[in-house]
Amino acid sequence: MLKTRIVGVLIIKNGIVVQSLQFNRYLPVGRVAIAVEYLNRWGIDDIVLLDMDATPQGRSPNFEKIREYSRFCQVPLTVGGGVRSVKDMENLLHAGADRIALNASAIANPQLISEGARLFGKQCMVISIDVRRKTDGNYEVFSHSGTRPTGQSPEILARQLENLGAGEILLTSIDNDGMKQGFDLELVSRVAEAVDIPLVACGGAGHPGHLLEVCKLGVSGVAAGNFYHYTEHSVIVAKSYLHAAGINVRLDSFVTYDDCHFDSDGRVARISDETLEKLRFKAVPEEVI
């Protein structure tokens, strides 16, 4: 049985990682290389780097920076932003990316998906779909960092992109992004039922319980950005919470919080004596030091 992937999303704006609030406000976090290293060391399964400036500025990805970020990354790395051609894809893969994320270019030039899948394999083609809920309750896909309405429904578009060669969908609720109130479960359910390829849900995580809710919908992965910033234990806490609830996640840290209790905010409320002993510095395996 495949394990549910825990994915860290890093939004890059003006060269630094930012917290995104409904694709409208961006709060600075810090250097990209440090954020990648932190997620990599604390047990994340996948990292997604999305450059918010590349497409609006009409430029290609910064391949040298991707080469720098990927140098010590030991988990699959997906990179998006400014990818407009097969050559851009090839350069990103040579720079260390494992997968390519397309957003605006996938909508403007759908055949780019088919060409990329033919040359590099479907597993390389991740399509980022950003969605808003309209006043009538229906959903609409937006491109260009949530600034341009496309008039398309996420379910129909996702199915079309799958037929073109997409290997995975990264689905983000713009309304829930950064609100810490949970994922848009209705949106995720609709798209999950429409496609057979892996679906990764994003937008709204503020508590490990929010991750659990969306995992129960059968997604292949659950993604978050703001949720993992500033708290270095957050990835391990999230995985331990999900594992205790019966979700099949990859546990690769030498310590977990499986025998802990969590408060209403998702923080560790009580730790057993056994876990405290594991967390002592002397308990760290020599190869980790």
C-alpha atoms as a PDB file:
ATOM      1  CA  MET A   1       0.000   0.000   0.000  1.00  0.00           C
ATOM      2  CA  LEU A   2       1.378   3.408  -0.982  1.00  0.00           C
ATOM      3  CA  LYS A   3       2.090   5.791   1.860  1.00  0.00           C
ATOM      4  CA  THR A   4       0.456   9.203   1.998  1.00  0.00           C
ATOM      5  CA  ARG A   5       3.084  11.822   1.210  1.00  0.00           C
ATOM      6  CA  ILE A   6       3.603  14.861   3.433  1.00  0.00           C
ATOM      7  CA  VAL A   7       4.620  17.711   1.139  1.00  0.00           C
ATOM      8  CA  GLY A   8       6.219  21.036   2.032  1.00  0.00           C
ATOM      9  CA  VAL A   9       5.467  23.959  -0.297  1.00  0.00           C
ATOM     10  CA  LEU A  10       7.855  26.906  -0.408  1.00  0.00           C
ATOM     11  CA  ILE A  11       6.515  30.054  -2.061  1.00  0.00           C
ATOM     12  CA  ILE A  12       9.311  32.285  -3.370  1.00  0.00           C
ATOM     13  CA  LYS A  13       8.747  35.995  -3.903  1.00  0.00           C
ATOM     14  CA  ASN A  14      11.463  38.610  -4.366  1.00  0.00           C
ATOM     15  CA  GLY A  15      14.035  35.873  -3.853  1.00  0.00           C
ATOM     16  CA  ILE A  16      12.875  34.755  -0.379  1.00  0.00           C
ATOM     17  CA  VAL A  17      10.375  32.298   1.074  1.00  0.00           C
ATOM     18  CA  VAL A  18       7.114  33.953   2.081  1.00  0.00           C
ATOM     19  CA  GLN A  19       3.906  33.036   3.851  1.00  0.00           C
ATOM     20  CA  SER A  20       0.994  33.339   1.448  1.00  0.00           C
ATOM     21  CA  LEU A  21      -2.393  34.595   2.635  1.00  0.00           C
ATOM     22  CA  GLN A  22      -5.075  33.894   0.019  1.00  0.00           C
ATOM     23  CA  PHE A  23      -2.595  34.752  -2.772  1.00  0.00           C
ATOM     24  CA  ASN A  24      -3.046  38.372  -1.716  1.00  0.00           C
ATOM     25  CA  ARG A  25      -0.635  39.098   1.130  1.00  0.00           C
ATOM     26  CA  TYR A  26       2.883  37.740   1.452  1.00  0.00           C
ATOM     27  CA  LEU A  27       4.810  37.780   4.730  1.00  0.00           C
ATOM     28  CA  PRO A  28       8.593  37.222   4.621  1.00  0.00           C
ATOM     29  CA  VAL A  29      10.014  34.037   6.142  1.00  0.00           C
ATOM     30  CA  GLY A  30      13.672  33.815   5.077  1.00  0.00           C
ATOM     31  CA  ARG A  31      16.235  32.336   2.736  1.00  0.00           C
ATOM     32  CA  VAL A  32      15.167  29.576   0.395  1.00  0.00           C
ATOM     33  CA  ALA A  33      18.232  27.395   0.987  1.00  0.00           C
ATOM     34  CA  ILE A  34      17.621  27.382   4.747  1.00  0.00           C
ATOM     35  CA  ALA A  35      13.944  26.490   4.329  1.00  0.00           C
ATOM     36  CA  VAL A  36      14.829  23.620   1.978  1.00  0.00           C
ATOM     37  CA  GLU A  37      17.475  22.336   4.384  1.00  0.00           C
ATOM     38  CA  TYR A  38      15.081  22.485   7.346  1.00  0.00           C
ATOM     39  CA  LEU A  39      12.306  20.541   5.595  1.00  0.00           C
ATOM     40  CA  ASN A  40      14.809  18.051   4.240  1.00  0.00           C
ATOM     41  CA  ARG A  41      16.290  17.361   7.684  1.00  0.00           C
ATOM     42  CA  TRP A  42      13.005  17.129   9.569  1.00  0.00           C
ATOM     43  CA  GLY A  43      11.382  14.341   7.602  1.00  0.00           C
ATOM     44  CA  ILE A  44       9.334  15.928   4.804  1.00  0.00           C
ATOM     45  CA  ASP A  45       8.585  13.543   1.938  1.00  0.00           C
ATOM     46  CA  ASP A  46       8.553  16.027  -0.951  1.00  0.00           C
ATOM     47  CA  ILE A  47       9.401  19.699  -1.433  1.00  0.00           C
ATOM     48  CA  VAL A  48       7.699  21.998  -3.937  1.00  0.00           C
ATOM     49  CA  LEU A  49       9.358  25.289  -4.890  1.00  0.00           C
ATOM     50  CA  LEU A  50       7.052  27.809  -6.589  1.00  0.00           C
ATOM     51  CA  ASP A  51       8.508  31.081  -7.885  1.00  0.00           C
ATOM     52  CA  MET A  52       5.646  33.611  -7.812  1.00  0.00           C
ATOM     53  CA  ASP A  53       7.552  36.273  -9.747  1.00  0.00           C
ATOM     54  CA  ALA A  54       8.797  34.346 -12.781  1.00  0.00           C
ATOM     55  CA  THR A  55       5.606  34.264 -14.884  1.00  0.00           C
ATOM     56  CA  PRO A  56       4.473  37.869 -14.153  1.00  0.00           C
ATOM     57  CA  GLN A  57       7.982  39.083 -14.968  1.00  0.00           C
ATOM     58  CA  GLY A  58       8.084  37.029 -18.171  1.00  0.00           C
ATOM     59  CA  ARG A  59      11.285  35.231 -17.260  1.00  0.00           C
ATOM     60  CA  SER A  60      12.429  31.628 -17.068  1.00  0.00           C
ATOM     61  CA  PRO A  61      13.255  29.887 -13.788  1.00  0.00           C
ATOM     62  CA  ASN A  62      16.518  30.779 -12.080  1.00  0.00           C
ATOM     63  CA  PHE A  63      18.390  27.590 -12.918  1.00  0.00           C
ATOM     64  CA  GLU A  64      21.509  28.502 -10.948  1.00  0.00           C
ATOM     65  CA  LYS A  65      19.464  29.017  -7.800  1.00  0.00           C
ATOM     66  CA  ILE A  66      17.666  25.705  -8.307  1.00  0.00           C
ATOM     67  CA  ARG A  67      21.047  24.025  -8.640  1.00  0.00           C
ATOM     68  CA  GLU A  68      22.046  25.629  -5.326  1.00  0.00           C
ATOM     69  CA  TYR A  69      18.828  24.619  -3.529  1.00  0.00           C
ATOM     70  CA  SER A  70      18.857  21.044  -4.822  1.00  0.00           C
ATOM     71  CA  ARG A  71      22.490  20.339  -4.018  1.00  0.00           C
ATOM     72  CA  PHE A  72      21.851  18.867  -0.567  1.00  0.00           C
ATOM     73  CA  CYS A  73      18.169  18.028  -0.974  1.00  0.00           C
ATOM     74  CA  GLN A  74      17.552  14.323  -0.379  1.00  0.00           C
ATOM     75  CA  VAL A  75      13.809  14.232  -1.123  1.00  0.00           C
ATOM     76  CA  PRO A  76      12.014  14.662  -4.465  1.00  0.00           C
ATOM     77  CA  LEU A  77      12.028  18.310  -5.527  1.00  0.00           C
ATOM     78  CA  THR A  78       9.293  19.832  -7.692  1.00  0.00           C
ATOM     79  CA  VAL A  79       9.952  23.260  -9.203  1.00  0.00           C
ATOM     80  CA  GLY A  80       7.484  25.640 -10.824  1.00  0.00           C
ATOM     81  CA  GLY A  81       7.253  29.219 -11.985  1.00  0.00           C
ATOM     82  CA  GLY A  82       8.195  30.592 -15.389  1.00  0.00           C
ATOM     83  CA  VAL A  83       8.307  27.227 -17.178  1.00  0.00           C
ATOM     84  CA  ARG A  84       7.242  27.991 -20.742  1.00  0.00           C
ATOM     85  CA  SER A  85       9.071  25.481 -22.906  1.00  0.00           C
ATOM     86  CA  VAL A  86      10.490  21.987 -23.067  1.00  0.00           C
ATOM     87  CA  LYS A  87      13.937  23.557 -22.849  1.00  0.00           C
ATOM     88  CA  ASP A  88      13.009  25.148 -19.524  1.00  0.00           C
ATOM     89  CA  MET A  89      11.948  21.716 -18.282  1.00  0.00           C
ATOM     90  CA  GLU A  90      15.172  20.125 -19.456  1.00  0.00           C
ATOM     91  CA  ASN A  91      17.259  22.833 -17.787  1.00  0.00           C
ATOM     92  CA  LEU A  92      15.370  22.418 -14.505  1.00  0.00           C
ATOM     93  CA  LEU A  93      15.895  18.662 -14.508  1.00  0.00           C
ATOM     94  CA  HIS A  94      19.589  19.177 -15.196  1.00  0.00           C
ATOM     95  CA  ALA A  95      19.694  21.703 -12.330  1.00  0.00           C
ATOM     96  CA  GLY A  96      18.419  19.087  -9.871  1.00  0.00           C
ATOM     97  CA  ALA A  97      14.630  19.191 -10.045  1.00  0.00           C
ATOM     98  CA  ASP A  98      12.879  15.827 -10.025  1.00  0.00           C
ATOM     99  CA  ARG A  99       9.523  17.095 -11.286  1.00  0.00           C
ATOM    100  CA  ILE A 100       8.215  20.158 -13.101  1.00  0.00           C
ATOM    101  CA  ALA A 101       5.168  22.129 -11.958  1.00  0.00           C
ATOM    102  CA  LEU A 102       3.121  23.921 -14.602  1.00  0.00           C
ATOM    103  CA  ASN A 103       0.349  26.421 -13.948  1.00  0.00           C
ATOM    104  CA  ALA A 104      -0.321  29.249 -16.389  1.00  0.00           C
ATOM    105  CA  SER A 105       1.592  27.564 -19.220  1.00  0.00           C
ATOM    106  CA  ALA A 106      -0.454  24.373 -18.843  1.00  0.00           C
ATOM    107  CA  ILE A 107      -3.628  26.360 -19.467  1.00  0.00           C
ATOM    108  CA  ALA A 108      -2.230  28.571 -22.226  1.00  0.00           C
ATOM    109  CA  ASN A 109      -0.381  25.762 -24.017  1.00  0.00           C
ATOM    110  CA  PRO A 110      -1.796  22.347 -23.002  1.00  0.00           C
ATOM    111  CA  GLN A 111       0.349  20.534 -25.572  1.00  0.00           C
ATOM    112  CA  LEU A 112       3.368  21.461 -23.453  1.00  0.00           C
ATOM    113  CA  ILE A 113       2.153  18.823 -20.991  1.00  0.00           C
ATOM    114  CA  SER A 114       2.020  16.133 -23.664  1.00  0.00           C
ATOM    115  CA  GLU A 115       5.449  17.038 -24.996  1.00  0.00           C
ATOM    116  CA  GLY A 116       6.972  17.068 -21.522  1.00  0.00           C
ATOM    117  CA  ALA A 117       5.387  13.728 -20.660  1.00  0.00           C
ATOM    118  CA  ARG A 118       6.681  12.203 -23.907  1.00  0.00           C
ATOM    119  CA  LEU A 119      10.237  13.388 -23.348  1.00  0.00           C
ATOM    120  CA  PHE A 120      10.633  13.109 -19.587  1.00  0.00           C
ATOM    121  CA  GLY A 121       7.823  10.810 -18.433  1.00  0.00           C
ATOM    122  CA  LYS A 122       4.413  11.511 -16.938  1.00  0.00           C
ATOM    123  CA  GLN A 123       5.861  11.275 -13.431  1.00  0.00           C
ATOM    124  CA  CYS A 124       7.729  14.541 -14.105  1.00  0.00           C
ATOM    125  CA  MET A 125       4.619  16.524 -15.007  1.00  0.00           C
ATOM    126  CA  VAL A 126       2.882  18.132 -12.016  1.00  0.00           C
ATOM    127  CA  ILE A 127       0.049  20.525 -12.796  1.00  0.00           C
ATOM    128  CA  SER A 128      -0.696  23.177 -10.209  1.00  0.00           C
ATOM    129  CA  ILE A 129      -4.394  24.096 -10.168  1.00  0.00           C
ATOM    130  CA  ASP A 130      -5.397  27.133  -8.082  1.00  0.00           C
ATOM    131  CA  VAL A 131      -9.101  27.476  -7.354  1.00  0.00           C
ATOM    132  CA  ARG A 132     -11.526  30.054  -5.940  1.00  0.00           C
ATOM    133  CA  ARG A 133     -15.113  29.492  -4.869  1.00  0.00           C
ATOM    134  CA  LYS A 134     -17.505  31.831  -6.698  1.00  0.00           C
ATOM    135  CA  THR A 135     -20.433  33.649  -5.113  1.00  0.00           C
ATOM    136  CA  ASP A 136     -22.814  31.048  -6.542  1.00  0.00           C
ATOM    137  CA  GLY A 137     -20.940  28.280  -4.722  1.00  0.00           C
ATOM    138  CA  ASN A 138     -19.267  26.823  -7.797  1.00  0.00           C
ATOM    139  CA  TYR A 139     -15.510  26.651  -8.267  1.00  0.00           C
ATOM    140  CA  GLU A 140     -13.322  28.363 -10.872  1.00  0.00           C
ATOM    141  CA  VAL A 141      -9.691  27.829 -11.781  1.00  0.00           C
ATOM    142  CA  PHE A 142      -7.413  30.884 -11.696  1.00  0.00           C
ATOM    143  CA  SER A 143      -3.952  31.255 -13.217  1.00  0.00           C
ATOM    144  CA  HIS A 144      -1.057  33.708 -12.803  1.00  0.00           C
ATOM    145  CA  SER A 145      -0.891  33.383  -9.013  1.00  0.00           C
ATOM    146  CA  GLY A 146      -4.632  33.627  -8.658  1.00  0.00           C
ATOM    147  CA  THR A 147      -5.040  36.865 -10.596  1.00  0.00           C
ATOM    148  CA  ARG A 148      -6.617  35.629 -13.850  1.00  0.00           C
ATOM    149  CA  PRO A 149      -9.942  33.765 -14.022  1.00  0.00           C
ATOM    150  CA  THR A 150     -10.030  30.993 -16.609  1.00  0.00           C
ATOM    151  CA  GLY A 151     -13.752  30.214 -16.620  1.00  0.00           C
ATOM    152  CA  GLN A 152     -12.936  26.512 -16.147  1.00  0.00           C
ATOM    153  CA  SER A 153     -14.107  24.163 -13.422  1.00  0.00           C
ATOM    154  CA  PRO A 154     -11.325  22.339 -11.554  1.00  0.00           C
ATOM    155  CA  GLU A 155     -12.841  18.868 -12.087  1.00  0.00           C
ATOM    156  CA  ILE A 156     -13.153  19.213 -15.857  1.00  0.00           C
ATOM    157  CA  LEU A 157      -9.752  20.850 -16.240  1.00  0.00           C
ATOM    158  CA  ALA A 158      -8.028  18.239 -14.086  1.00  0.00           C
ATOM    159  CA  ARG A 159      -9.521  15.438 -16.186  1.00  0.00           C
ATOM    160  CA  GLN A 160      -8.439  17.140 -19.413  1.00  0.00           C
ATOM    161  CA  LEU A 161      -4.900  17.637 -18.115  1.00  0.00           C
ATOM    162  CA  GLU A 162      -4.709  13.994 -17.069  1.00  0.00           C
ATOM    163  CA  ASN A 163      -5.651  12.958 -20.606  1.00  0.00           C
ATOM    164  CA  LEU A 164      -2.897  15.215 -21.964  1.00  0.00           C
ATOM    165  CA  GLY A 165      -0.222  13.492 -19.890  1.00  0.00           C
ATOM    166  CA  ALA A 166      -0.226  15.109 -16.443  1.00  0.00           C
ATOM    167  CA  GLY A 167       1.205  12.747 -13.844  1.00  0.00           C
ATOM    168  CA  GLU A 168       0.019  14.567 -10.731  1.00  0.00           C
ATOM    169  CA  ILE A 169      -2.253  17.424  -9.661  1.00  0.00           C
ATOM    170  CA  LEU A 170      -1.325  19.943  -6.973  1.00  0.00           C
ATOM    171  CA  LEU A 171      -4.686  21.402  -5.977  1.00  0.00           C
ATOM    172  CA  THR A 172      -4.757  24.627  -3.950  1.00  0.00           C
ATOM    173  CA  SER A 173      -7.739  26.460  -2.506  1.00  0.00           C
ATOM    174  CA  ILE A 174      -6.977  30.172  -2.790  1.00  0.00           C
ATOM    175  CA  ASP A 175      -9.744  31.030  -0.325  1.00  0.00           C
ATOM    176  CA  ASN A 176      -8.329  28.723   2.353  1.00  0.00           C
ATOM    177  CA  ASP A 177      -4.671  29.518   1.685  1.00  0.00           C
ATOM    178  CA  GLY A 178      -2.999  30.767   4.854  1.00  0.00           C
ATOM    179  CA  MET A 179      -6.242  30.897   6.848  1.00  0.00           C
ATOM    180  CA  LYS A 180      -5.372  27.904   9.064  1.00  0.00           C
ATOM    181  CA  GLN A 181      -9.031  26.850   9.116  1.00  0.00           C
ATOM    182  CA  GLY A 182      -8.645  23.574   7.252  1.00  0.00           C
ATOM    183  CA  PHE A 183      -8.760  22.363   3.664  1.00  0.00           C
ATOM    184  CA  ASP A 184     -11.682  22.809   1.289  1.00  0.00           C
ATOM    185  CA  LEU A 185     -12.830  19.206   1.559  1.00  0.00           C
ATOM    186  CA  GLU A 186     -15.604  19.598  -1.006  1.00  0.00           C
ATOM    187  CA  LEU A 187     -13.166  20.883  -3.605  1.00  0.00           C
ATOM    188  CA  VAL A 188     -10.698  18.085  -2.904  1.00  0.00           C
ATOM    189  CA  SER A 189     -13.431  15.453  -3.084  1.00  0.00           C
ATOM    190  CA  ARG A 190     -14.683  16.699  -6.441  1.00  0.00           C
ATOM    191  CA  VAL A 191     -11.277  16.661  -8.086  1.00  0.00           C
ATOM    192  CA  ALA A 192     -10.280  13.352  -6.464  1.00  0.00           C
ATOM    193  CA  GLU A 193     -13.342  11.711  -8.005  1.00  0.00           C
ATOM    194  CA  ALA A 194     -12.581  13.222 -11.424  1.00  0.00           C
ATOM    195  CA  VAL A 195      -9.035  11.904 -11.892  1.00  0.00           C
ATOM    196  CA  ASP A 196      -7.068   8.689 -11.489  1.00  0.00           C
ATOM    197  CA  ILE A 197      -3.625  10.263 -11.203  1.00  0.00           C
ATOM    198  CA  PRO A 198      -2.124  11.246  -7.810  1.00  0.00           C
ATOM    199  CA  LEU A 199      -3.721  14.286  -6.184  1.00  0.00           C
ATOM    200  CA  VAL A 200      -1.965  16.482  -3.617  1.00  0.00           C
ATOM    201  CA  ALA A 201      -4.208  18.847  -1.645  1.00  0.00           C
ATOM    202  CA  CYS A 202      -2.973  22.228  -0.429  1.00  0.00           C
ATOM    203  CA  GLY A 203      -4.358  25.321   1.261  1.00  0.00           C
ATOM    204  CA  GLY A 204      -5.620  25.770   4.810  1.00  0.00           C
ATOM    205  CA  ALA A 205      -3.536  23.617   7.172  1.00  0.00           C
ATOM    206  CA  GLY A 206      -3.406  25.038  10.683  1.00  0.00           C
ATOM    207  CA  HIS A 207      -3.641  21.897  12.811  1.00  0.00           C
ATOM    208  CA  PRO A 208      -2.561  18.271  12.285  1.00  0.00           C
ATOM    209  CA  GLY A 209      -6.246  17.381  12.399  1.00  0.00           C
ATOM    210  CA  HIS A 210      -6.763  19.342   9.173  1.00  0.00           C
ATOM    211  CA  LEU A 211      -4.205  17.090   7.487  1.00  0.00           C
ATOM    212  CA  LEU A 212      -6.017  14.047   8.820  1.00  0.00           C
ATOM    213  CA  GLU A 213      -9.355  15.234   7.411  1.00  0.00           C
ATOM    214  CA  VAL A 214      -8.036  15.544   3.893  1.00  0.00           C
ATOM    215  CA  CYS A 215      -6.014  12.318   4.096  1.00  0.00           C
ATOM    216  CA  LYS A 216      -9.268  10.448   4.703  1.00  0.00           C
ATOM    217  CA  LEU A 217     -10.449  11.550   1.249  1.00  0.00           C
ATOM    218  CA  GLY A 218      -7.876   9.260  -0.334  1.00  0.00           C
ATOM    219  CA  VAL A 219      -5.427  11.863  -1.638  1.00  0.00           C
ATOM    220  CA  SER A 220      -1.908  10.760  -2.537  1.00  0.00           C
ATOM    221  CA  GLY A 221      -0.374  13.618  -0.614  1.00  0.00           C
ATOM    222  CA  VAL A 222      -1.196  16.532   1.635  1.00  0.00           C
ATOM    223  CA  ALA A 223       0.741  19.776   1.254  1.00  0.00           C
ATOM    224  CA  ALA A 224       1.289  22.813   3.424  1.00  0.00           C
ATOM    225  CA  GLY A 225       3.506  25.862   3.450  1.00  0.00           C
ATOM    226  CA  ASN A 226       2.819  28.226   6.346  1.00  0.00           C
ATOM    227  CA  PHE A 227       2.113  25.311   8.683  1.00  0.00           C
ATOM    228  CA  TYR A 228       5.772  24.246   8.664  1.00  0.00           C
ATOM    229  CA  HIS A 229       7.413  27.657   9.027  1.00  0.00           C
ATOM    230  CA  TYR A 230       9.092  28.677  12.296  1.00  0.00           C
ATOM    231  CA  THR A 231       8.472  25.400  14.171  1.00  0.00           C
ATOM    232  CA  GLU A 232      11.204  22.862  13.528  1.00  0.00           C
ATOM    233  CA  HIS A 233       9.263  19.952  15.049  1.00  0.00           C
ATOM    234  CA  SER A 234       6.148  20.565  12.947  1.00  0.00           C
ATOM    235  CA  VAL A 235       6.823  17.902  10.291  1.00  0.00           C
ATOM    236  CA  ILE A 236       7.442  15.200  12.900  1.00  0.00           C
ATOM    237  CA  VAL A 237       4.401  16.304  14.925  1.00  0.00           C
ATOM    238  CA  ALA A 238       2.203  16.153  11.813  1.00  0.00           C
ATOM    239  CA  LYS A 239       3.430  12.696  10.812  1.00  0.00           C
ATOM    240  CA  SER A 240       3.085  11.338  14.354  1.00  0.00           C
ATOM    241  CA  TYR A 241      -0.462  12.686  14.602  1.00  0.00           C
ATOM    242  CA  LEU A 242      -1.445  11.078  11.298  1.00  0.00           C
ATOM    243  CA  HIS A 243       0.305   7.798  12.104  1.00  0.00           C
ATOM    244  CA  ALA A 244      -1.535   7.549  15.439  1.00  0.00           C
ATOM    245  CA  ALA A 245      -4.812   8.049  13.542  1.00  0.00           C
ATOM    246  CA  GLY A 246      -4.060   5.150  11.207  1.00  0.00           C
ATOM    247  CA  ILE A 247      -2.782   7.062   8.162  1.00  0.00           C
ATOM    248  CA  ASN A 248       0.037   5.223   6.376  1.00  0.00           C
ATOM    249  CA  VAL A 249       2.860   7.790   6.355  1.00  0.00           C
ATOM    250  CA  ARG A 250       6.622   7.391   6.060  1.00  0.00           C
ATOM    251  CA  LEU A 251       8.381   7.637   9.437  1.00  0.00           C
ATOM    252  CA  ASP A 252      12.097   8.170   8.927  1.00  0.00           C
ATOM    253  CA  SER A 253      13.104  10.149  12.009  1.00  0.00           C
ATOM    254  CA  PHE A 254      14.773   8.396  14.935  1.00  0.00           C
ATOM    255  CA  VAL A 255      12.189  10.000  17.255  1.00  0.00           C
ATOM    256  CA  THR A 256       8.431  10.430  16.937  1.00  0.00           C
ATOM    257  CA  TYR A 257       5.609  11.795  19.046  1.00  0.00           C
ATOM    258  CA  ASP A 258       3.473   8.676  18.699  1.00  0.00           C
ATOM    259  CA  ASP A 259       2.963   8.294  22.438  1.00  0.00           C
ATOM    260  CA  CYS A 260       2.127  11.957  23.017  1.00  0.00           C
ATOM    261  CA  HIS A 261      -1.137  13.780  23.417  1.00  0.00           C
ATOM    262  CA  PHE A 262      -1.982  16.938  21.475  1.00  0.00           C
ATOM    263  CA  ASP A 263      -3.976  19.957  22.596  1.00  0.00           C
ATOM    264  CA  SER A 264      -6.717  21.718  20.610  1.00  0.00           C
ATOM    265  CA  ASP A 265      -4.097  23.754  18.711  1.00  0.00           C
ATOM    266  CA  GLY A 266      -2.203  20.648  17.612  1.00  0.00           C
ATOM    267  CA  ARG A 267       0.682  21.256  19.994  1.00  0.00           C
ATOM    268  CA  VAL A 268       2.264  18.546  22.118  1.00  0.00           C
ATOM    269  CA  ALA A 269       0.404  18.594  25.437  1.00  0.00           C
ATOM    270  CA  ARG A 270       2.058  15.719  27.287  1.00  0.00           C
ATOM    271  CA  ILE A 271       5.175  13.664  26.617  1.00  0.00           C
ATOM    272  CA  SER A 272       5.895  10.274  28.126  1.00  0.00           C
ATOM    273  CA  ASP A 273       9.098   9.602  30.056  1.00  0.00           C
ATOM    274  CA  GLU A 274      10.237   7.261  27.259  1.00  0.00           C
ATOM    275  CA  THR A 275       9.967  10.008  24.639  1.00  0.00           C
ATOM    276  CA  LEU A 276      11.737  12.499  26.873  1.00  0.00           C
ATOM    277  CA  GLU A 277      14.618  10.060  27.189  1.00  0.00           C
ATOM    278  CA  LYS A 278      14.787   9.641  23.395  1.00  0.00           C
ATOM    279  CA  LEU A 279      14.942  13.398  22.961  1.00  0.00           C
ATOM    280  CA  ARG A 280      17.996  13.768  25.191  1.00  0.00           C
ATOM    281  CA  PHE A 281      21.114  14.688  23.218  1.00  0.00           C
ATOM    282  CA  LYS A 282      22.899  11.518  24.265  1.00  0.00           C
ATOM    283  CA  ALA A 283      20.187   9.466  22.563  1.00  0.00           C
ATOM    284  CA  VAL A 284      20.896  10.895  19.123  1.00  0.00           C
ATOM    285  CA  PRO A 285      22.537   8.265  16.885  1.00  0.00           C
ATOM    286  CA  GLU A 286      26.146   9.049  16.067  1.00  0.00           C
ATOM    287  CA  GLU A 287      25.438   9.197  12.332  1.00  0.00           C
ATOM    288  CA  VAL A 288      22.919  12.011  12.922  1.00  0.00           C
ATOM    289  CA  ILE A 289      25.400  14.191  14.823  1.00  0.00           C
END
